Protein backbone atom coordinates (compact mmCIF):
# COMPACT_ATOMS: atom_id res chain seq x y z
CA UNK A 1 106.58 110.13 52.75
CA UNK A 2 102.95 111.21 52.86
CA UNK A 3 101.13 111.68 56.16
CA UNK A 4 97.55 112.09 57.31
CA UNK A 5 96.02 109.32 55.19
CA UNK A 6 92.60 108.07 56.30
CA UNK A 7 93.07 104.65 54.70
CA UNK A 8 96.19 102.57 54.17
CA UNK A 9 97.36 99.70 52.00
CA UNK A 10 99.84 97.36 53.69
CA UNK A 11 102.04 94.79 51.96
CA UNK A 12 103.74 92.12 54.09
CA UNK A 13 106.65 90.27 52.48
CA UNK A 14 108.50 87.42 54.23
CA UNK A 15 112.20 88.25 54.48
CA UNK A 16 113.34 85.57 56.92
CA UNK A 17 112.19 82.73 59.17
CA UNK A 18 110.51 85.07 61.69
CA UNK A 19 110.88 88.38 59.83
CA UNK A 20 108.62 90.40 57.54
CA UNK A 21 109.17 93.51 55.46
CA UNK A 22 106.28 95.96 55.76
CA UNK A 23 105.40 98.55 53.09
CA UNK A 24 102.62 101.04 53.83
CA UNK A 25 101.03 103.29 51.18
CA UNK A 26 98.04 105.61 51.02
CA UNK A 27 95.10 105.11 48.67
CA UNK A 28 96.96 106.83 45.84
CA UNK A 29 99.91 104.47 46.19
CA UNK A 30 102.24 107.07 47.72
CA UNK A 31 104.62 105.61 50.34
CA UNK A 32 103.70 106.33 53.97
CA UNK A 33 106.14 104.08 55.82
CA UNK A 34 108.56 101.19 55.26
CA UNK A 35 109.67 98.74 57.95
CA UNK A 36 112.72 96.82 56.78
CA UNK A 37 112.41 94.05 59.37
CA UNK A 38 109.48 93.19 61.64
CA UNK A 39 110.52 90.23 63.79
CA UNK A 40 108.02 88.13 65.72
CA UNK A 41 108.73 86.46 69.06
CA UNK A 42 106.76 83.77 70.89
CA UNK A 43 104.62 85.05 73.78
CA UNK A 44 103.96 82.91 76.84
CA UNK A 45 100.47 82.88 78.41
CA UNK A 46 101.89 84.23 81.65
CA UNK A 47 103.31 87.26 79.85
CA UNK A 48 99.90 88.05 78.37
CA UNK A 49 98.23 87.80 81.78
CA UNK A 50 100.87 90.00 83.38
CA UNK A 51 100.59 92.66 80.68
CA UNK A 52 96.81 92.65 80.91
CA UNK A 53 96.70 92.85 84.71
CA UNK A 54 99.56 95.08 85.75
CA UNK A 55 99.23 98.25 83.74
CA UNK A 56 102.36 100.08 82.61
CA UNK A 57 105.19 101.29 84.77
CA UNK A 58 106.89 104.58 83.99
CA UNK A 59 109.89 106.63 85.01
CA UNK A 60 110.90 110.22 84.39
CA UNK A 61 113.68 110.53 81.81
CA UNK A 62 115.53 113.77 81.12
CA UNK A 63 116.01 114.44 77.41
CA UNK A 64 117.82 117.29 75.63
CA UNK A 65 115.59 120.33 75.22
CA UNK A 66 115.10 122.46 72.14
CA UNK A 67 117.32 125.50 71.60
CA UNK A 68 116.73 128.10 74.26
CA UNK A 69 115.06 131.47 73.88
CA UNK A 70 115.35 134.46 76.25
CA UNK A 71 113.03 134.24 79.26
CA UNK A 72 111.18 137.28 80.57
CA UNK A 73 110.95 136.27 84.22
CA UNK A 74 112.38 136.79 87.68
CA UNK A 75 114.82 134.07 88.77
CA UNK A 76 114.38 133.20 92.46
CA UNK A 77 117.10 131.01 94.06
CA UNK A 78 115.62 128.54 96.55
CA UNK A 79 117.61 128.39 99.80
CA UNK A 80 118.89 125.19 101.34
CA UNK A 81 117.81 124.12 104.80
CA UNK A 82 115.06 122.38 106.75
CA UNK A 83 112.30 121.12 104.49
CA UNK A 84 109.55 122.93 106.40
CA UNK A 85 111.37 126.25 106.42
CA UNK A 86 112.24 126.04 102.72
CA UNK A 87 108.71 125.04 101.69
CA UNK A 88 107.33 127.84 103.86
CA UNK A 89 109.48 130.42 102.06
CA UNK A 90 108.57 129.09 98.61
CA UNK A 91 104.87 128.95 99.49
CA UNK A 92 104.97 132.56 100.69
CA UNK A 93 106.57 133.62 97.41
CA UNK A 94 104.02 131.68 95.35
CA UNK A 95 101.11 133.23 97.23
CA UNK A 96 102.53 136.73 96.88
CA UNK A 97 102.89 136.36 93.10
CA UNK A 98 99.73 134.42 92.23
CA UNK A 99 97.86 137.53 91.10
CA UNK A 100 100.77 139.25 89.35
CA UNK A 101 101.62 139.04 85.64
CA UNK A 102 105.26 138.32 86.37
CA UNK A 103 106.67 134.84 85.67
CA UNK A 104 108.75 133.36 88.48
CA UNK A 105 111.55 130.84 87.89
CA UNK A 106 112.36 128.91 91.07
CA UNK A 107 116.01 127.83 90.91
CA UNK A 108 117.16 124.74 92.83
CA UNK A 109 120.16 122.42 92.82
CA UNK A 110 119.82 118.66 93.20
CA UNK A 111 116.04 118.47 92.90
CA UNK A 112 116.22 116.15 89.89
CA UNK A 113 118.83 113.88 91.44
CA UNK A 114 118.88 113.08 95.14
CA UNK A 115 118.22 116.20 97.24
CA UNK A 116 114.89 115.53 99.00
CA UNK A 117 114.36 119.12 100.19
CA UNK A 118 114.86 120.60 96.73
CA UNK A 119 112.63 117.87 95.29
CA UNK A 120 109.88 118.76 97.77
CA UNK A 121 109.99 122.31 96.40
CA UNK A 122 109.46 120.90 92.92
CA UNK A 123 106.42 118.95 94.12
CA UNK A 124 104.86 122.07 95.62
CA UNK A 125 105.60 124.23 92.57
CA UNK A 126 104.33 121.54 90.17
CA UNK A 127 100.93 121.80 91.82
CA UNK A 128 101.12 125.59 91.62
CA UNK A 129 101.90 125.23 87.90
CA UNK A 130 98.80 123.06 87.44
CA UNK A 131 96.65 125.62 89.24
CA UNK A 132 98.21 128.68 87.56
CA UNK A 133 99.55 127.75 84.10
CA UNK A 134 102.35 129.87 82.62
CA UNK A 135 103.05 131.60 85.93
CA UNK A 136 105.75 129.44 87.56
CA UNK A 137 108.84 127.70 86.15
CA UNK A 138 111.26 125.19 87.70
CA UNK A 139 114.99 125.20 86.96
CA UNK A 140 117.48 122.79 88.55
CA UNK A 141 121.20 123.52 88.31
CA UNK A 142 123.97 120.98 88.73
CA UNK A 143 125.72 123.17 91.31
CA UNK A 144 124.26 126.07 93.33
CA UNK A 145 126.78 128.57 91.94
CA UNK A 146 126.35 127.60 88.28
CA UNK A 147 125.42 130.52 85.99
CA UNK A 148 121.85 130.90 84.82
CA UNK A 149 121.26 129.75 81.25
CA UNK A 150 120.98 132.51 78.65
CA UNK A 151 117.74 130.98 77.36
CA UNK A 152 115.33 128.13 77.98
CA UNK A 153 113.30 126.01 75.53
CA UNK A 154 109.88 127.51 74.81
CA UNK A 155 106.63 125.74 75.71
CA UNK A 156 108.21 123.95 78.70
CA UNK A 157 108.07 124.73 82.41
CA UNK A 158 110.57 122.34 84.02
CA UNK A 159 114.29 122.24 83.25
CA UNK A 160 117.49 120.62 84.43
CA UNK A 161 120.85 122.08 83.37
CA UNK A 162 123.82 119.73 83.43
CA UNK A 163 127.28 120.56 82.01
CA UNK A 164 125.79 123.55 80.23
CA UNK A 165 123.06 121.57 78.44
CA UNK A 166 119.36 121.98 79.18
CA UNK A 167 117.19 118.89 79.65
CA UNK A 168 113.41 118.52 79.98
CA UNK A 169 111.40 115.74 81.66
CA UNK A 170 109.52 113.06 79.75
CA UNK A 171 107.58 110.14 81.14
CA UNK A 172 108.87 106.90 79.61
CA UNK A 173 107.84 103.24 79.96
CA UNK A 174 109.97 101.03 82.20
CA UNK A 175 110.95 97.80 80.43
CA UNK A 176 109.76 94.91 82.59
CA UNK A 177 109.75 91.14 82.51
CA UNK A 178 107.14 88.93 84.20
CA UNK A 179 107.95 89.01 87.91
CA UNK A 180 107.25 86.83 90.90
CA UNK A 181 106.11 88.46 94.16
CA UNK A 182 109.06 89.59 96.32
CA UNK A 183 110.49 87.02 98.72
CA UNK A 184 111.89 88.58 101.90
CA UNK A 185 113.96 86.40 104.22
CA UNK A 186 112.86 87.83 107.55
CA UNK A 187 110.19 90.10 108.98
CA UNK A 188 108.46 92.80 106.96
CA UNK A 189 107.20 95.94 108.69
CA UNK A 190 104.32 97.79 107.04
CA UNK A 191 103.53 101.33 108.13
CA UNK A 192 99.87 102.19 107.77
CA UNK A 193 99.54 98.44 108.12
CA UNK A 194 95.89 98.44 109.18
CA UNK A 195 94.88 100.82 106.39
CA UNK A 196 93.57 99.82 102.98
CA UNK A 197 96.86 99.64 101.09
CA UNK A 198 98.74 98.21 104.07
CA UNK A 199 96.23 95.37 104.33
CA UNK A 200 96.41 94.64 100.62
CA UNK A 201 100.21 94.47 100.68
CA UNK A 202 100.25 92.37 103.84
CA UNK A 203 97.85 89.85 102.34
CA UNK A 204 99.82 89.73 99.11
CA UNK A 205 103.09 89.09 100.93
CA UNK A 206 101.53 86.45 103.20
CA UNK A 207 100.00 84.60 100.26
CA UNK A 208 103.41 84.47 98.63
CA UNK A 209 105.55 83.18 101.47
CA UNK A 210 106.33 86.02 103.88
CA UNK A 211 106.18 84.42 107.33
CA UNK A 212 106.45 87.36 109.73
CA UNK A 213 104.57 90.64 109.38
CA UNK A 214 104.59 93.67 111.69
CA UNK A 215 101.68 96.01 111.02
CA UNK A 216 102.20 99.50 112.44
CA UNK A 217 99.51 102.19 112.63
CA UNK A 218 98.50 105.00 114.94
CA UNK A 219 95.65 102.97 116.47
CA UNK A 220 97.12 99.48 116.29
CA UNK A 221 94.62 96.80 117.31
CA UNK A 222 92.05 99.54 117.94
CA UNK A 223 91.88 100.28 114.22
CA UNK A 224 88.58 99.18 112.63
CA UNK A 225 88.86 95.64 111.29
CA UNK A 226 92.34 95.01 112.70
CA UNK A 227 91.32 91.73 114.34
CA UNK A 228 89.90 90.45 111.05
CA UNK A 229 93.11 91.39 109.27
CA UNK A 230 95.18 89.44 111.79
CA UNK A 231 92.98 86.35 111.57
CA UNK A 232 93.06 86.44 107.79
CA UNK A 233 96.84 86.74 107.65
CA UNK A 234 97.27 84.04 110.28
CA UNK A 235 95.13 81.72 108.19
CA UNK A 236 97.58 82.29 105.35
CA UNK A 237 100.40 81.02 107.56
CA UNK A 238 101.93 84.32 108.66
CA UNK A 239 102.94 85.32 112.17
CA UNK A 240 101.41 88.77 112.66
CA UNK A 241 102.15 91.52 115.17
CA UNK A 242 100.11 94.72 115.29
CA UNK A 243 101.69 97.72 117.00
CA UNK A 244 100.24 101.15 117.82
CA UNK A 245 102.87 103.72 116.83
CA UNK A 246 103.00 107.19 115.34
CA UNK A 247 105.76 106.57 112.81
CA UNK A 248 106.61 110.30 112.84
CA UNK A 249 107.70 109.84 116.48
CA UNK A 250 111.34 108.83 116.05
CA UNK A 251 111.86 107.56 119.60
CA UNK A 252 108.73 105.39 119.57
CA UNK A 253 109.53 104.08 116.10
CA UNK A 254 113.04 103.16 117.24
CA UNK A 255 111.53 101.11 120.10
CA UNK A 256 109.36 99.21 117.66
CA UNK A 257 112.27 98.53 115.32
CA UNK A 258 114.47 97.31 118.18
CA UNK A 259 111.93 94.55 118.80
CA UNK A 260 112.33 93.19 115.24
CA UNK A 261 115.80 91.62 115.11
CA UNK A 262 115.27 89.95 111.72
CA UNK A 263 113.84 92.94 109.85
CA UNK A 264 114.30 92.43 106.10
CA UNK A 265 112.06 95.06 104.56
CA UNK A 266 109.80 98.01 105.30
CA UNK A 267 106.81 99.04 103.19
CA UNK A 268 105.89 102.62 104.06
CA UNK A 269 102.24 103.14 103.08
CA UNK A 270 101.30 105.64 105.80
CA UNK A 271 100.14 109.06 104.67
CA UNK A 272 97.82 111.99 105.27
CA UNK A 273 95.91 114.50 103.15
CA UNK A 274 94.96 118.13 103.75
CA UNK A 275 94.00 119.34 100.28
CA UNK A 276 93.72 122.95 99.20
CA UNK A 277 94.87 125.24 96.42
CA UNK A 278 98.10 127.15 97.05
CA UNK A 279 96.24 130.33 98.07
CA UNK A 280 94.78 128.42 101.05
CA UNK A 281 97.84 126.42 102.09
CA UNK A 282 99.68 127.36 105.28
CA UNK A 283 102.86 126.06 106.94
CA UNK A 284 100.68 124.14 109.42
CA UNK A 285 98.80 122.42 106.59
CA UNK A 286 102.11 121.47 104.99
CA UNK A 287 103.41 120.15 108.31
CA UNK A 288 100.40 117.90 108.82
CA UNK A 289 101.09 116.08 105.55
CA UNK A 290 104.89 115.98 105.98
CA UNK A 291 104.67 114.23 109.36
CA UNK A 292 103.18 110.98 108.13
CA UNK A 293 105.07 110.83 104.83
CA UNK A 294 108.39 112.66 105.15
CA UNK A 295 109.28 112.41 108.83
CA UNK A 296 108.53 108.69 108.96
CA UNK A 297 110.48 107.98 105.76
CA UNK A 298 113.49 109.93 107.02
CA UNK A 299 113.40 108.08 110.36
CA UNK A 300 113.20 104.69 108.64
CA UNK A 301 116.05 105.60 106.30
CA UNK A 302 118.28 106.54 109.23
CA UNK A 303 117.23 103.87 111.75
CA UNK A 304 117.28 100.80 109.49
CA UNK A 305 119.43 101.80 106.49
CA UNK A 306 120.13 98.22 105.41
CA UNK A 307 116.48 97.13 105.24
CA UNK A 308 114.81 97.12 101.82
CA UNK A 309 112.77 100.33 102.10
CA UNK A 310 109.74 100.48 99.81
CA UNK A 311 108.16 103.95 99.89
CA UNK A 312 104.57 104.32 98.74
CA UNK A 313 104.71 107.71 97.06
CA UNK A 314 102.13 109.30 94.78
CA UNK A 315 102.04 110.41 91.16
CA UNK A 316 100.90 113.77 92.57
CA UNK A 317 104.57 114.54 93.21
CA UNK A 318 105.43 113.79 89.58
CA UNK A 319 102.49 115.39 87.79
CA UNK A 320 101.66 118.19 90.23
CA UNK A 321 98.01 117.57 91.07
CA UNK A 322 95.90 120.73 91.48
CA UNK A 323 94.83 121.27 95.08
CA UNK A 324 97.49 118.98 96.51
CA UNK A 325 100.62 121.11 96.77
CA UNK A 326 101.51 119.88 100.25
CA UNK A 327 100.89 116.24 99.30
CA UNK A 328 102.89 116.63 96.08
CA UNK A 329 105.78 118.11 98.05
CA UNK A 330 105.80 115.22 100.52
CA UNK A 331 105.77 112.58 97.81
CA UNK A 332 108.43 114.29 95.71
CA UNK A 333 110.58 114.21 98.86
CA UNK A 334 110.09 110.42 99.10
CA UNK A 335 111.08 109.94 95.46
CA UNK A 336 114.31 111.90 95.97
CA UNK A 337 115.06 110.00 99.18
CA UNK A 338 114.88 106.75 97.18
CA UNK A 339 117.29 108.21 94.62
CA UNK A 340 119.61 109.26 97.44
CA UNK A 341 119.54 105.73 98.89
CA UNK A 342 120.29 104.32 95.44
CA UNK A 343 123.31 106.64 95.12
CA UNK A 344 124.51 105.40 98.53
CA UNK A 345 124.12 101.74 97.53
CA UNK A 346 121.24 101.18 99.95
CA UNK A 347 118.28 98.96 99.01
CA UNK A 348 114.87 100.43 98.34
CA UNK A 349 112.54 102.13 95.94
CA UNK A 350 109.82 104.74 95.76
CA UNK A 351 106.60 103.83 93.95
CA UNK A 352 104.74 106.98 92.85
CA UNK A 353 101.28 105.43 92.62
CA UNK A 354 98.36 106.58 90.58
CA UNK A 355 94.80 106.00 91.80
CA UNK A 356 93.70 102.79 93.54
CA UNK A 357 90.07 101.76 93.21
CA UNK A 358 89.86 100.54 96.83
CA UNK A 359 88.71 103.43 99.03
CA UNK A 360 91.23 104.26 101.75
CA UNK A 361 91.35 106.70 104.64
CA UNK A 362 93.08 109.08 102.22
CA UNK A 363 90.81 108.82 99.19
CA UNK A 364 87.71 108.39 101.34
CA UNK A 365 87.97 112.03 102.37
CA UNK A 366 88.06 113.32 98.80
CA UNK A 367 84.42 112.83 97.88
CA UNK A 368 83.20 112.51 94.30
CA UNK A 369 84.44 115.98 93.34
CA UNK A 370 87.96 115.27 94.52
CA UNK A 371 88.07 111.88 92.83
CA UNK A 372 86.79 113.38 89.57
CA UNK A 373 89.54 116.01 89.80
CA UNK A 374 92.18 113.29 90.09
CA UNK A 375 90.70 111.30 87.20
CA UNK A 376 90.86 114.39 85.01
CA UNK A 377 94.64 114.18 85.27
CA UNK A 378 94.34 111.14 82.97
CA UNK A 379 94.80 108.42 85.58
CA UNK A 380 92.57 105.34 85.73
CA UNK A 381 92.31 103.50 89.03
CA UNK A 382 94.16 100.28 89.80
CA UNK A 383 92.09 97.37 91.00
CA UNK A 384 93.67 95.50 93.91
CA UNK A 385 94.83 92.75 91.55
CA UNK A 386 96.29 95.24 89.05
CA UNK A 387 98.01 97.25 91.75
CA UNK A 388 99.62 94.25 93.43
CA UNK A 389 100.84 92.93 90.07
CA UNK A 390 102.36 96.37 89.41
CA UNK A 391 103.93 96.24 92.90
CA UNK A 392 105.72 93.01 91.97
CA UNK A 393 106.90 94.40 88.64
CA UNK A 394 108.10 97.64 90.22
CA UNK A 395 110.20 95.87 92.84
CA UNK A 396 111.66 93.54 90.23
CA UNK A 397 112.55 96.43 87.92
CA UNK A 398 115.39 97.66 90.10
CA UNK A 399 114.51 101.29 89.30
CA UNK A 400 114.94 103.60 92.32
CA UNK A 401 111.76 105.52 91.41
CA UNK A 402 108.89 104.00 89.46
CA UNK A 403 105.58 105.63 88.53
CA UNK A 404 102.93 102.87 88.48
CA UNK A 405 99.98 104.61 86.86
CA UNK A 406 97.30 103.57 84.39
CA UNK A 407 97.24 106.50 82.02
CA UNK A 408 94.47 107.47 79.66
CA UNK A 409 96.62 108.86 76.86
CA UNK A 410 93.68 110.16 74.87
CA UNK A 411 94.16 113.93 74.96
CA UNK A 412 91.47 116.35 73.80
CA UNK A 413 92.65 118.63 71.03
CA UNK A 414 91.74 121.79 72.93
CA UNK A 415 93.93 120.74 75.86
CA UNK A 416 97.05 119.74 73.97
CA UNK A 417 99.68 117.35 75.28
CA UNK A 418 101.33 118.17 78.65
CA UNK A 419 105.12 118.40 78.28
CA UNK A 420 105.69 115.42 80.60
CA UNK A 421 103.64 113.18 78.30
CA UNK A 422 105.08 114.30 74.97
CA UNK A 423 107.29 111.22 74.78
CA UNK A 424 104.19 109.03 74.98
CA UNK A 425 101.57 110.93 72.97
CA UNK A 426 102.12 111.86 69.34
CA UNK A 427 101.13 115.34 68.29
CA UNK A 428 98.23 115.52 65.79
CA UNK A 429 99.20 115.17 62.15
CA UNK A 430 99.28 118.50 60.33
CA UNK A 431 99.47 117.37 56.70
CA UNK A 432 96.94 115.53 54.62
CA UNK A 433 98.02 112.94 52.10
CA UNK A 434 97.01 113.58 48.51
CA UNK A 435 94.41 111.08 47.33
CA UNK A 436 93.65 110.48 43.66
CA UNK A 437 90.21 108.96 43.80
CA UNK A 438 90.37 108.04 40.10
CA UNK A 439 93.11 105.48 40.75
CA UNK A 440 92.03 102.20 42.37
């Protein structure tokens, strides 16, 4: 079949009650494509509204890689242990090799399944890869003592080896059906509950039948606008409690949880930013971001294992946003924790969000330069309506980790297609169809 035609002729031939045969040719009449059966299905108005509002949901699939080639690099096994100690060691190695010409392959085990510490390393290194292309590589083995592969697929920088076969990550759409907002039979606790995203989720749940909400934040009622939030939720028919609590403080969090006997779900939206390229990151700057995200999530997982735990993660952990290595590490940890819970049969999900249009305490500190940097990753911002519709779809999907992000898949030719997006973006056509302009 010819390719690269600038104009096409299409013939549609009925082949059944709801089925067409499609024949596509270029201007010279040469075949370009044939579709044996194109079947139509009725579309309900609600499905159209949902598709228009929600934006797509994605997940990371692991697909077989191309045949491997020898790798000229130093393989560095990543130790197991406390997340802060491990990240500190990896950060030190990254900083020591930033200015060298040597490629470093960080070798983990379990990062692509359910090991949160190994996954946090991947989040940190993904950001380092974005800041220093072709310098750092990630390799995840099935078992720590598995042999290193003899070769790795070229033009990739993240690999998972399972049963001797090498796989590479590809972002893929999550099939979804129109979904109703979640209905929780009992109280719902929202961390970061007086912040922008916490307020949006609380209002959404109250409007759709949740009767008891517990909003937890560091400042509690002292947070700006907290009284207005409570009055608004009360007007929607919800019973609202606002509690001042540092969710990274396990003992204080346990006290709060003990006072909620009918806890059905937790939505963990709390977070913190301390952005900087890897050369400027320090263990203290990593710790500041881990406290709000990682420590709180781990405490919630251990203290209320049977509650439906919804973790608000970030696409930074999946894509590796430049200047956010610590934040990417924290969110990759959350994603792996959700996978671990799924493996244990515990309810919950991690939602690795793209940008939200509503300015929050997190995004409000970025400024226009920081926001432009995030948009350059190809992510368009969710409106509140879009984001909450995606929230409903994500929870209904049943996927342990979902990436709700509105991608701009238009890629400039000089940039190429990032490996993670190669399952979504077709490479440019390389051949031009022959056109006989004398035949019409």
